Protein backbone atom coordinates (compact mmCIF):
# COMPACT_ATOMS: atom_id res chain seq x y z
CA MET A 1 45.06 242.53 137.14
CA ALA A 2 45.30 244.82 140.31
CA ALA A 3 45.44 241.92 142.35
CA LEU A 4 47.88 240.03 140.81
CA ASN A 5 50.13 243.08 140.65
CA ALA A 6 49.54 243.52 144.72
CA VAL A 7 50.65 239.86 144.91
CA LEU A 8 53.52 240.33 142.85
CA ASN A 9 54.78 243.43 144.50
CA ASN A 10 54.34 242.04 147.93
CA LEU A 11 56.72 239.29 147.36
CA PRO A 12 60.20 239.77 149.46
CA GLY A 13 62.70 241.18 147.03
CA VAL A 14 60.55 242.61 144.44
CA GLU A 15 60.91 246.62 144.42
CA ASP A 16 58.28 246.94 141.54
CA GLY A 17 56.52 244.55 139.39
CA ALA A 18 53.56 244.33 136.74
CA PHE A 19 51.67 241.20 135.20
CA LEU A 20 51.17 241.82 131.18
CA PRO A 21 48.11 239.92 129.99
CA PRO A 22 48.44 238.35 126.52
CA ASP A 23 47.41 240.74 123.64
CA MET A 24 44.03 238.63 122.73
CA SER A 25 43.87 240.65 119.53
CA GLY A 26 46.86 238.49 117.97
CA VAL A 27 46.62 235.25 116.51
CA ASP A 28 48.49 233.21 119.08
CA PRO A 29 46.03 230.97 121.04
CA GLN A 30 48.97 229.96 123.13
CA ALA A 31 49.68 233.54 124.49
CA ARG A 32 49.95 233.64 128.20
CA MET A 33 50.52 236.12 131.09
CA GLN A 34 54.03 237.28 131.62
CA ALA A 35 55.33 239.56 134.81
CA PHE A 36 58.02 241.88 134.56
CA VAL A 37 59.72 242.62 137.93
CA VAL A 38 62.69 244.79 139.43
CA ALA A 39 63.97 242.35 141.95
CA PRO A 40 67.85 242.51 141.58
CA THR A 41 68.48 240.09 144.86
CA VAL A 42 65.92 237.31 143.62
CA SER A 43 65.75 234.56 140.82
CA ALA A 44 62.98 234.55 138.60
CA ASP A 45 62.63 230.87 139.38
CA SER A 46 62.35 231.75 143.10
CA LEU A 47 59.57 234.39 141.99
CA LEU A 48 57.69 231.79 140.21
CA GLN A 49 57.81 229.56 142.89
CA ALA A 50 56.67 231.99 145.28
CA LEU A 51 53.52 232.79 143.05
CA ARG A 52 52.77 229.24 142.63
CA GLN A 53 51.87 229.10 146.37
CA LEU A 54 49.88 232.43 146.11
CA ILE A 55 47.77 232.72 143.14
CA ASP A 56 45.74 230.10 140.86
CA PRO A 57 47.84 228.05 138.44
CA VAL A 58 45.72 229.85 135.52
CA PHE A 59 47.21 233.34 136.23
CA LEU A 60 51.04 231.84 136.57
CA PRO A 61 53.07 233.79 134.28
CA ARG A 62 55.00 231.80 131.39
CA ARG A 63 57.94 233.97 132.43
CA ILE A 64 59.21 236.28 134.55
CA VAL A 65 61.48 239.01 133.14
CA GLN A 66 63.68 240.87 135.29
CA VAL A 67 64.75 244.44 134.38
CA ALA A 68 66.34 247.38 136.14
CA ALA A 69 63.26 249.42 136.07
CA LEU A 70 59.58 249.38 134.88
CA PRO A 71 58.67 251.91 132.12
CA ARG A 72 56.71 254.38 134.41
CA ASN A 73 55.69 258.01 133.25
CA ALA A 74 56.32 261.28 134.64
CA VAL A 75 53.54 261.00 137.13
CA GLY A 76 54.87 257.16 137.99
CA LYS A 77 51.73 255.42 136.03
CA LEU A 78 52.64 252.19 134.26
CA THR A 79 50.51 251.96 131.01
CA LEU A 80 49.33 248.96 129.33
CA GLN A 81 51.10 250.19 126.07
CA ALA A 82 54.47 250.90 127.89
CA LEU A 83 54.47 247.42 129.10
CA ARG A 84 53.71 245.98 125.71
CA ASP A 85 56.25 247.89 124.36
CA LEU A 86 58.66 246.66 127.04
CA ALA A 87 57.74 243.20 126.18
CA ALA A 88 58.43 243.48 122.46
CA THR A 89 61.92 244.70 123.19
CA GLN A 90 62.59 241.89 125.46
CA ASN A 91 61.32 239.18 122.96
CA ALA A 92 63.02 240.90 120.32
CA GLU A 93 65.73 238.42 118.69
CA GLU A 94 69.02 239.71 117.22
CA GLU A 95 70.87 238.17 114.47
CA ILE A 96 74.67 237.23 115.73
CA GLY A 97 75.85 235.90 112.65
CA THR A 98 75.74 233.50 109.60
CA VAL A 99 77.93 230.21 109.49
CA THR A 100 78.77 227.97 106.37
CA VAL A 101 80.67 224.61 106.89
CA PRO A 102 82.62 224.04 103.62
CA HIS A 103 82.07 220.43 101.96
CA ASP A 104 85.81 219.87 102.62
CA HIS A 105 85.83 220.33 106.50
CA PRO A 106 87.96 217.86 108.13
CA CYS A 107 85.14 216.78 110.50
CA LEU A 108 82.63 215.60 107.71
CA ALA A 109 84.76 212.73 106.51
CA GLY A 110 83.83 210.34 109.41
CA HIS A 111 80.33 211.92 110.02
CA PHE A 112 78.02 209.87 107.72
CA PRO A 113 80.36 209.38 104.57
CA GLY A 114 78.70 209.54 101.38
CA GLN A 115 75.93 211.94 102.70
CA PRO A 116 77.72 214.24 105.26
CA VAL A 117 75.80 216.07 108.06
CA VAL A 118 77.49 218.92 109.85
CA PRO A 119 77.85 217.86 113.73
CA GLY A 120 75.59 219.41 116.28
CA VAL A 121 78.98 220.14 118.43
CA LEU A 122 80.40 221.92 115.30
CA LEU A 123 77.15 224.27 115.20
CA LEU A 124 77.55 224.74 118.92
CA GLU A 125 80.93 225.91 118.82
CA ALA A 126 80.18 228.10 115.69
CA ALA A 127 77.10 229.85 118.01
CA HIS A 128 79.79 230.03 120.83
CA ALA A 129 82.09 231.88 118.84
CA LEU A 130 79.70 234.40 117.48
CA LEU A 131 78.60 235.21 120.96
CA THR A 132 80.02 238.68 122.09
CA ASP A 133 79.58 237.47 125.96
CA ALA A 134 81.37 234.37 126.62
CA ASP A 135 80.16 234.33 130.11
CA PHE A 136 77.31 232.07 129.04
CA GLN A 137 77.25 228.12 128.92
CA PHE A 138 74.66 225.78 127.33
CA ASP A 139 72.10 224.64 129.40
CA MET A 140 69.70 222.73 127.05
CA VAL A 141 69.99 222.09 123.31
CA LYS A 142 67.40 220.87 120.74
CA PHE A 143 68.53 219.70 117.35
CA LEU A 144 65.62 219.86 114.94
CA TYR A 145 66.69 219.14 111.58
CA PRO A 146 69.95 218.19 109.81
CA VAL A 147 72.40 220.66 108.36
CA PHE A 148 74.48 219.74 105.08
CA PRO A 149 77.72 221.00 104.15
CA GLU A 150 77.40 224.39 102.07
CA GLN A 151 74.26 225.43 103.70
CA PRO A 152 74.20 228.67 105.40
CA VAL A 153 72.97 228.64 109.02
CA VAL A 154 71.69 232.05 110.62
CA PHE A 155 72.04 232.04 114.56
CA SER A 156 69.91 234.75 116.38
CA ILE A 157 69.40 235.34 120.25
CA ARG A 158 67.07 236.65 122.56
CA ARG A 159 67.56 237.69 126.11
CA ALA A 160 65.00 236.08 128.25
CA GLY A 161 65.81 237.44 131.76
CA VAL A 162 69.43 236.17 132.98
CA SER A 163 69.44 233.39 130.16
CA LEU A 164 69.78 233.67 126.23
CA ARG A 165 67.73 231.80 123.58
CA LEU A 166 69.66 230.60 120.91
CA ARG A 167 67.97 229.64 117.63
CA ALA A 168 69.56 228.72 114.26
CA GLU A 169 67.81 228.64 110.97
CA CYS A 170 69.00 227.17 107.70
CA LEU A 171 66.96 227.06 104.35
CA GLY A 172 63.96 228.65 106.04
CA LYS A 173 63.93 226.02 108.82
CA THR A 174 64.66 226.19 112.59
CA VAL A 175 67.44 223.58 112.90
CA LEU A 176 68.67 224.23 116.55
CA ARG A 177 67.23 225.94 119.69
CA ALA A 178 69.15 226.41 122.81
CA VAL A 179 69.13 227.93 126.33
CA LEU A 180 72.27 229.44 127.62
CA LYS A 181 72.94 230.17 131.41
CA ALA A 182 75.51 232.40 132.80
CA ARG A 183 78.32 230.61 133.90
CA PRO A 184 78.87 230.54 137.68
CA VAL A 185 80.96 232.56 139.22
CA GLU A 186 84.27 230.95 140.76
CA ASN A 187 85.40 231.84 144.01
């Protein structure tokens, strides 16, 4: 880990950084390395590209999380537990609201008459209305299951660096996943 951290901290623009190995006591065989960095002038994608040139692919982090500061203790040490706690807060989902489309909504009349399905664009509009920060736009959307009228859809977000991960759940199933990115600043 020390060697990986040294490579990460030597990248241009990185003020502080650390790799977090996956928790092998868990049940997730897909768990992969993460990296946390304080690098206000460099994007996570740029850092990942630079790491690809310097370390073996097996050690590449699944994601690079940009933070304002690493949770170092009073003597400047960064403990594994502090990193795991930071990862837990970064991976936490926040419920932003629930939407139920009534059976008499005007858009349903032409969307599969006889067995209406809630249009995906209506779900996206509902999610966008629930977001408190309107400076994000949809970058990628995947619809997994249909939603029918009168079914409650619960929306949750998780911050992932500079983007948001949106998830919609209906009757215990994830029906939609999306990635939202910050809108580009207009000059």
